């Protein structure tokens, strides 16, 4: 009887902790999304920014950009040609044969963006690093962030925490396979970067 009671207490305690953990996860996600949702928009030549940062994503063997990365680049290139931005900062993992930054740059140049309008950050290994390096290495106090909408909330939150003026240009040009998995992973990524912003 005593053993059964102890087991019940342990189970209730574990369940309570799990519920509290879920509430904390959702609360912090709502904070990040709530603070930044109004900063995501569509942009034209009337909304001028010096620099747009394009956040990296997977490059397939042979140098083919993944669908998400291609759409980020297409969005950024359209912003450049529209006169919304003067410079593209390409930030991603520059290591290895299929360097994100290398093939992002090649793609932009093939689409008519001149080399002198492109900046490269080959050490943008995470969203936090990409945004913080934009401020620390490239001395940017304001920027337009180009990535998919689910990712923009976190990127803008980081920029604003670093006292940057930031807006987001959504690069959702299609529906992407595996988005449900990315949405779940993004919940955890927001918590991680919320912590980095809090304690860094």
C-alpha atoms as a PDB file:
ATOM      1  CA  UNK A   1       0.000   0.000   0.000  1.00  0.00           C
ATOM      2  CA  UNK A   2       2.795   2.406   0.982  1.00  0.00           C
ATOM      3  CA  UNK A   3       4.713   1.463  -2.120  1.00  0.00           C
ATOM      4  CA  UNK A   4       1.683   2.148  -4.313  1.00  0.00           C
ATOM      5  CA  UNK A   5       1.208   5.546  -2.681  1.00  0.00           C
ATOM      6  CA  UNK A   6       4.855   6.495  -3.268  1.00  0.00           C
ATOM      7  CA  UNK A   7       4.599   5.432  -6.909  1.00  0.00           C
ATOM      8  CA  UNK A   8       1.475   7.554  -7.311  1.00  0.00           C
ATOM      9  CA  UNK A   9       3.265  10.590  -5.847  1.00  0.00           C
ATOM     10  CA  UNK A  10       6.233  10.083  -8.204  1.00  0.00           C
ATOM     11  CA  UNK A  11       3.937   9.788 -11.230  1.00  0.00           C
ATOM     12  CA  UNK A  12       1.925  12.868 -10.278  1.00  0.00           C
ATOM     13  CA  UNK A  13       5.119  14.840  -9.678  1.00  0.00           C
ATOM     14  CA  UNK A  14       6.566  13.755 -13.035  1.00  0.00           C
ATOM     15  CA  UNK A  15       3.322  14.639 -14.810  1.00  0.00           C
ATOM     16  CA  UNK A  16       3.199  18.045 -13.106  1.00  0.00           C
ATOM     17  CA  UNK A  17       6.773  18.797 -14.154  1.00  0.00           C
ATOM     18  CA  UNK A  18       5.987  17.760 -17.728  1.00  0.00           C
ATOM     19  CA  UNK A  19       2.922  20.030 -17.806  1.00  0.00           C
ATOM     20  CA  UNK A  20       4.920  22.946 -16.359  1.00  0.00           C
ATOM     21  CA  UNK A  21       7.655  22.307 -18.945  1.00  0.00           C
ATOM     22  CA  UNK A  22       5.123  22.425 -21.786  1.00  0.00           C
ATOM     23  CA  UNK A  23       3.604  25.633 -20.417  1.00  0.00           C
ATOM     24  CA  UNK A  24       7.072  27.200 -20.215  1.00  0.00           C
ATOM     25  CA  UNK A  25       7.897  26.118 -23.788  1.00  0.00           C
ATOM     26  CA  UNK A  26       4.668  27.564 -25.152  1.00  0.00           C
ATOM     27  CA  UNK A  27       4.943  30.769 -23.116  1.00  0.00           C
ATOM     28  CA  UNK A  28       8.469  31.540 -24.317  1.00  0.00           C
ATOM     29  CA  UNK A  29       7.471  30.770 -27.911  1.00  0.00           C
ATOM     30  CA  UNK A  30       4.487  33.115 -27.637  1.00  0.00           C
ATOM     31  CA  UNK A  31       6.808  35.834 -26.310  1.00  0.00           C
ATOM     32  CA  UNK A  32       9.187  35.463 -29.263  1.00  0.00           C
ATOM     33  CA  UNK A  33       6.396  35.330 -31.855  1.00  0.00           C
ATOM     34  CA  UNK A  34       4.317  38.048 -30.204  1.00  0.00           C
ATOM     35  CA  UNK A  35       7.207  40.488 -30.062  1.00  0.00           C
ATOM     36  CA  UNK A  36       8.216  40.053 -33.700  1.00  0.00           C
ATOM     37  CA  UNK A  37       5.103  39.164 -35.734  1.00  0.00           C
ATOM     38  CA  UNK A  38       4.511  42.814 -36.651  1.00  0.00           C
ATOM     39  CA  UNK A  39       8.015  43.101 -38.122  1.00  0.00           C
ATOM     40  CA  UNK A  40       7.422  40.626 -40.951  1.00  0.00           C
ATOM     41  CA  UNK A  41       6.141  42.143 -44.173  1.00  0.00           C
ATOM     42  CA  UNK A  42       6.440  42.332 -47.926  1.00  0.00           C
ATOM     43  CA  UNK A  43       8.810  44.993 -49.202  1.00  0.00           C
ATOM     44  CA  UNK A  44       9.210  47.212 -52.228  1.00  0.00           C
ATOM     45  CA  UNK A  45      11.509  49.994 -53.374  1.00  0.00           C
ATOM     46  CA  UNK A  46       9.786  52.412 -50.969  1.00  0.00           C
ATOM     47  CA  UNK A  47      11.130  50.411 -48.003  1.00  0.00           C
ATOM     48  CA  UNK A  48      14.864  50.968 -48.320  1.00  0.00           C
ATOM     49  CA  UNK A  49      17.534  49.094 -46.376  1.00  0.00           C
ATOM     50  CA  UNK A  50      21.267  49.185 -46.835  1.00  0.00           C
ATOM     51  CA  UNK A  51      21.676  45.444 -46.282  1.00  0.00           C
ATOM     52  CA  UNK A  52      19.613  42.268 -46.420  1.00  0.00           C
ATOM     53  CA  UNK A  53      21.043  39.253 -44.616  1.00  0.00           C
ATOM     54  CA  UNK A  54      20.172  35.913 -46.203  1.00  0.00           C
ATOM     55  CA  UNK A  55      20.367  33.028 -43.744  1.00  0.00           C
ATOM     56  CA  UNK A  56      21.923  29.852 -45.094  1.00  0.00           C
ATOM     57  CA  UNK A  57      20.405  26.399 -45.494  1.00  0.00           C
ATOM     58  CA  UNK A  58      21.355  23.094 -47.083  1.00  0.00           C
ATOM     59  CA  UNK A  59      23.254  22.887 -50.359  1.00  0.00           C
ATOM     60  CA  UNK A  60      22.931  19.523 -52.101  1.00  0.00           C
ATOM     61  CA  UNK A  61      25.749  17.619 -53.756  1.00  0.00           C
ATOM     62  CA  UNK A  62      26.752  19.322 -56.974  1.00  0.00           C
ATOM     63  CA  UNK A  63      26.063  22.775 -55.573  1.00  0.00           C
ATOM     64  CA  UNK A  64      22.281  22.716 -55.997  1.00  0.00           C
ATOM     65  CA  UNK A  65      20.533  24.916 -53.447  1.00  0.00           C
ATOM     66  CA  UNK A  66      17.819  23.269 -51.387  1.00  0.00           C
ATOM     67  CA  UNK A  67      14.301  24.513 -52.135  1.00  0.00           C
ATOM     68  CA  UNK A  68      14.217  26.687 -49.019  1.00  0.00           C
ATOM     69  CA  UNK A  69      17.608  28.235 -49.693  1.00  0.00           C
ATOM     70  CA  UNK A  70      16.777  28.841 -53.342  1.00  0.00           C
ATOM     71  CA  UNK A  71      13.619  30.700 -52.311  1.00  0.00           C
ATOM     72  CA  UNK A  72      15.564  32.775 -49.783  1.00  0.00           C
ATOM     73  CA  UNK A  73      17.975  33.740 -52.526  1.00  0.00           C
ATOM     74  CA  UNK A  74      15.189  34.475 -55.024  1.00  0.00           C
ATOM     75  CA  UNK A  75      13.508  36.742 -52.474  1.00  0.00           C
ATOM     76  CA  UNK A  76      16.747  38.569 -51.654  1.00  0.00           C
ATOM     77  CA  UNK A  77      17.679  38.954 -55.330  1.00  0.00           C
ATOM     78  CA  UNK A  78      14.237  40.402 -56.096  1.00  0.00           C
ATOM     79  CA  UNK A  79      14.689  42.883 -53.238  1.00  0.00           C
ATOM     80  CA  UNK A  80      18.061  43.898 -54.658  1.00  0.00           C
ATOM     81  CA  UNK A  81      16.755  44.392 -58.186  1.00  0.00           C
ATOM     82  CA  UNK A  82      13.756  46.334 -56.842  1.00  0.00           C
ATOM     83  CA  UNK A  83      16.121  48.762 -55.131  1.00  0.00           C
ATOM     84  CA  UNK A  84      14.952  47.820 -51.640  1.00  0.00           C
ATOM     85  CA  UNK A  85      18.483  46.853 -50.575  1.00  0.00           C
ATOM     86  CA  UNK A  86      21.943  47.827 -51.776  1.00  0.00           C
ATOM     87  CA  UNK A  87      23.897  44.856 -50.442  1.00  0.00           C
ATOM     88  CA  UNK A  88      23.288  41.156 -49.734  1.00  0.00           C
ATOM     89  CA  UNK A  89      25.047  39.622 -46.729  1.00  0.00           C
ATOM     90  CA  UNK A  90      25.134  35.862 -47.307  1.00  0.00           C
ATOM     91  CA  UNK A  91      25.570  34.051 -44.004  1.00  0.00           C
ATOM     92  CA  UNK A  92      25.909  30.319 -43.547  1.00  0.00           C
ATOM     93  CA  UNK A  93      28.250  27.393 -43.150  1.00  0.00           C
ATOM     94  CA  UNK A  94      31.178  28.011 -45.471  1.00  0.00           C
ATOM     95  CA  UNK A  95      32.982  24.776 -44.697  1.00  0.00           C
ATOM     96  CA  UNK A  96      33.373  21.782 -46.983  1.00  0.00           C
ATOM     97  CA  UNK A  97      32.979  21.143 -50.658  1.00  0.00           C
ATOM     98  CA  UNK A  98      29.344  22.256 -50.785  1.00  0.00           C
ATOM     99  CA  UNK A  99      29.785  25.523 -48.910  1.00  0.00           C
ATOM    100  CA  UNK A 100      26.464  27.297 -48.404  1.00  0.00           C
ATOM    101  CA  UNK A 101      27.950  30.768 -48.823  1.00  0.00           C
ATOM    102  CA  UNK A 102      29.944  29.860 -51.931  1.00  0.00           C
ATOM    103  CA  UNK A 103      26.912  28.563 -53.818  1.00  0.00           C
ATOM    104  CA  UNK A 104      24.623  31.304 -52.513  1.00  0.00           C
ATOM    105  CA  UNK A 105      27.051  33.843 -53.983  1.00  0.00           C
ATOM    106  CA  UNK A 106      27.292  32.013 -57.317  1.00  0.00           C
ATOM    107  CA  UNK A 107      23.498  31.861 -57.511  1.00  0.00           C
ATOM    108  CA  UNK A 108      23.147  35.585 -56.815  1.00  0.00           C
ATOM    109  CA  UNK A 109      25.739  36.496 -59.436  1.00  0.00           C
ATOM    110  CA  UNK A 110      24.072  34.245 -62.026  1.00  0.00           C
ATOM    111  CA  UNK A 111      20.877  36.215 -61.373  1.00  0.00           C
ATOM    112  CA  UNK A 112      22.532  39.550 -62.024  1.00  0.00           C
ATOM    113  CA  UNK A 113      23.710  40.696 -58.590  1.00  0.00           C
ATOM    114  CA  UNK A 114      27.215  42.203 -58.996  1.00  0.00           C
ATOM    115  CA  UNK A 115      30.015  40.818 -56.857  1.00  0.00           C
ATOM    116  CA  UNK A 116      30.644  44.163 -55.185  1.00  0.00           C
ATOM    117  CA  UNK A 117      27.065  44.115 -53.840  1.00  0.00           C
ATOM    118  CA  UNK A 118      27.674  40.819 -52.019  1.00  0.00           C
ATOM    119  CA  UNK A 119      29.163  40.314 -48.553  1.00  0.00           C
ATOM    120  CA  UNK A 120      30.028  36.825 -47.295  1.00  0.00           C
ATOM    121  CA  UNK A 121      29.964  35.427 -43.770  1.00  0.00           C
ATOM    122  CA  UNK A 122      31.145  31.805 -43.973  1.00  0.00           C
ATOM    123  CA  UNK A 123      30.921  31.352 -40.197  1.00  0.00           C
ATOM    124  CA  UNK A 124      27.204  31.804 -39.754  1.00  0.00           C
ATOM    125  CA  UNK A 125      26.868  28.338 -38.243  1.00  0.00           C
ATOM    126  CA  UNK A 126      23.619  29.174 -36.425  1.00  0.00           C
ATOM    127  CA  UNK A 127      20.938  31.838 -36.538  1.00  0.00           C
ATOM    128  CA  UNK A 128      22.336  33.493 -33.422  1.00  0.00           C
ATOM    129  CA  UNK A 129      25.847  33.552 -34.857  1.00  0.00           C
ATOM    130  CA  UNK A 130      24.671  34.931 -38.206  1.00  0.00           C
ATOM    131  CA  UNK A 131      22.796  37.828 -36.620  1.00  0.00           C
ATOM    132  CA  UNK A 132      25.361  38.632 -33.932  1.00  0.00           C
ATOM    133  CA  UNK A 133      28.209  38.552 -36.458  1.00  0.00           C
ATOM    134  CA  UNK A 134      26.253  40.920 -38.710  1.00  0.00           C
ATOM    135  CA  UNK A 135      26.467  43.428 -35.882  1.00  0.00           C
ATOM    136  CA  UNK A 136      29.936  42.693 -34.524  1.00  0.00           C
ATOM    137  CA  UNK A 137      31.881  42.071 -37.746  1.00  0.00           C
ATOM    138  CA  UNK A 138      29.891  44.030 -40.309  1.00  0.00           C
ATOM    139  CA  UNK A 139      28.810  46.815 -37.910  1.00  0.00           C
ATOM    140  CA  UNK A 140      25.193  46.694 -39.009  1.00  0.00           C
ATOM    141  CA  UNK A 141      22.669  48.404 -36.760  1.00  0.00           C
ATOM    142  CA  UNK A 142      19.720  47.776 -39.056  1.00  0.00           C
ATOM    143  CA  UNK A 143      18.990  45.063 -41.564  1.00  0.00           C
ATOM    144  CA  UNK A 144      16.350  43.214 -43.484  1.00  0.00           C
ATOM    145  CA  UNK A 145      16.370  39.482 -42.676  1.00  0.00           C
ATOM    146  CA  UNK A 146      15.451  37.048 -45.450  1.00  0.00           C
ATOM    147  CA  UNK A 147      14.327  33.531 -44.562  1.00  0.00           C
ATOM    148  CA  UNK A 148      11.082  31.556 -44.242  1.00  0.00           C
ATOM    149  CA  UNK A 149       8.427  33.031 -41.944  1.00  0.00           C
ATOM    150  CA  UNK A 150       8.626  30.338 -39.240  1.00  0.00           C
ATOM    151  CA  UNK A 151      12.342  31.168 -38.898  1.00  0.00           C
ATOM    152  CA  UNK A 152      11.947  34.946 -39.041  1.00  0.00           C
ATOM    153  CA  UNK A 153      10.381  35.282 -35.583  1.00  0.00           C
ATOM    154  CA  UNK A 154      13.518  33.975 -33.912  1.00  0.00           C
ATOM    155  CA  UNK A 155      15.955  35.812 -36.173  1.00  0.00           C
ATOM    156  CA  UNK A 156      14.230  39.166 -35.599  1.00  0.00           C
ATOM    157  CA  UNK A 157      14.009  38.514 -31.855  1.00  0.00           C
ATOM    158  CA  UNK A 158      17.776  37.955 -31.710  1.00  0.00           C
ATOM    159  CA  UNK A 159      18.460  41.122 -33.733  1.00  0.00           C
ATOM    160  CA  UNK A 160      16.219  43.247 -31.545  1.00  0.00           C
ATOM    161  CA  UNK A 161      17.823  41.832 -28.413  1.00  0.00           C
ATOM    162  CA  UNK A 162      21.173  42.954 -29.838  1.00  0.00           C
ATOM    163  CA  UNK A 163      19.731  46.492 -30.225  1.00  0.00           C
ATOM    164  CA  UNK A 164      19.453  46.235 -33.991  1.00  0.00           C
ATOM    165  CA  UNK A 165      16.568  47.591 -36.027  1.00  0.00           C
ATOM    166  CA  UNK A 166      15.337  44.566 -37.950  1.00  0.00           C
ATOM    167  CA  UNK A 167      12.499  43.648 -40.274  1.00  0.00           C
ATOM    168  CA  UNK A 168      11.794  40.324 -41.915  1.00  0.00           C
ATOM    169  CA  UNK A 169      11.078  39.486 -45.547  1.00  0.00           C
ATOM    170  CA  UNK A 170       9.325  36.136 -45.822  1.00  0.00           C
ATOM    171  CA  UNK A 171      10.770  33.774 -48.425  1.00  0.00           C
ATOM    172  CA  UNK A 172       7.858  31.331 -48.405  1.00  0.00           C
ATOM    173  CA  UNK A 173       7.441  30.937 -52.160  1.00  0.00           C
ATOM    174  CA  UNK A 174       6.009  27.422 -51.909  1.00  0.00           C
ATOM    175  CA  UNK A 175       5.049  24.670 -49.463  1.00  0.00           C
ATOM    176  CA  UNK A 176       8.044  22.669 -48.230  1.00  0.00           C
ATOM    177  CA  UNK A 177       8.164  18.960 -47.436  1.00  0.00           C
ATOM    178  CA  UNK A 178       8.930  18.174 -43.797  1.00  0.00           C
ATOM    179  CA  UNK A 179       7.637  21.521 -42.510  1.00  0.00           C
ATOM    180  CA  UNK A 180       5.837  19.968 -39.523  1.00  0.00           C
ATOM    181  CA  UNK A 181       9.159  18.556 -38.283  1.00  0.00           C
ATOM    182  CA  UNK A 182      10.829  21.955 -38.776  1.00  0.00           C
ATOM    183  CA  UNK A 183       8.034  23.700 -36.869  1.00  0.00           C
ATOM    184  CA  UNK A 184       8.513  21.358 -33.900  1.00  0.00           C
ATOM    185  CA  UNK A 185      12.293  21.782 -33.995  1.00  0.00           C
ATOM    186  CA  UNK A 186      11.865  25.555 -34.214  1.00  0.00           C
ATOM    187  CA  UNK A 187       9.950  25.593 -30.916  1.00  0.00           C
ATOM    188  CA  UNK A 188      13.047  24.202 -29.206  1.00  0.00           C
ATOM    189  CA  UNK A 189      15.375  26.473 -31.188  1.00  0.00           C
ATOM    190  CA  UNK A 190      13.424  29.527 -30.001  1.00  0.00           C
ATOM    191  CA  UNK A 191      13.916  28.428 -26.410  1.00  0.00           C
ATOM    192  CA  UNK A 192      17.650  27.957 -26.990  1.00  0.00           C
ATOM    193  CA  UNK A 193      18.083  31.388 -28.509  1.00  0.00           C
ATOM    194  CA  UNK A 194      15.823  33.001 -25.918  1.00  0.00           C
ATOM    195  CA  UNK A 195      18.299  31.661 -23.356  1.00  0.00           C
ATOM    196  CA  UNK A 196      21.283  32.944 -25.329  1.00  0.00           C
ATOM    197  CA  UNK A 197      19.705  36.376 -25.518  1.00  0.00           C
ATOM    198  CA  UNK A 198      18.885  36.312 -21.827  1.00  0.00           C
ATOM    199  CA  UNK A 199      22.300  35.270 -20.558  1.00  0.00           C
ATOM    200  CA  UNK A 200      24.691  36.492 -23.243  1.00  0.00           C
END
